[in-house]
């Protein structure tokens, strides 16, 4: 039996790396994901597209947040992915969040509709609260 429950400060980490997920097998991945969703109020999936179980993951979500860097190529890919998700599941709520937004990059982002900007921070591995606040505002309006 494969256990998909590594924990970090009360957060369950479900692997989404394509090679690891494929090595687990679809059944084990689905069961592990279902257990994680059932045991938590909020489940975040950080994965790259395409993903072998994308359709299954999309079925299990209420909100899809596409994260992009404030660069033209990243924004174009994000818009394309948002269009694909809306085409596949028109009922899904899809939002764009920009990651690593600096003062200077913000100057070039005028007119780009997005839900939130996650600020560029030195030492992001320290998880400064302002990074989390931007994401929580996206997930929980009025936060």
Foldseek 3Di string as FASTA:
>chain_A
DDAQADDDPRQGDGDQPQVVCVVCPPVNSVVNVVVNPVVDPDDDDDYDPPHPCVVVVLVPDQEAEQEFELDPVRVVVSVVVVVVSCVVPVNHHYFYEYEQDEPVSVVVCPPPDGQFYQHRDPPCVVVDVSNVVRVCCSVPPPD
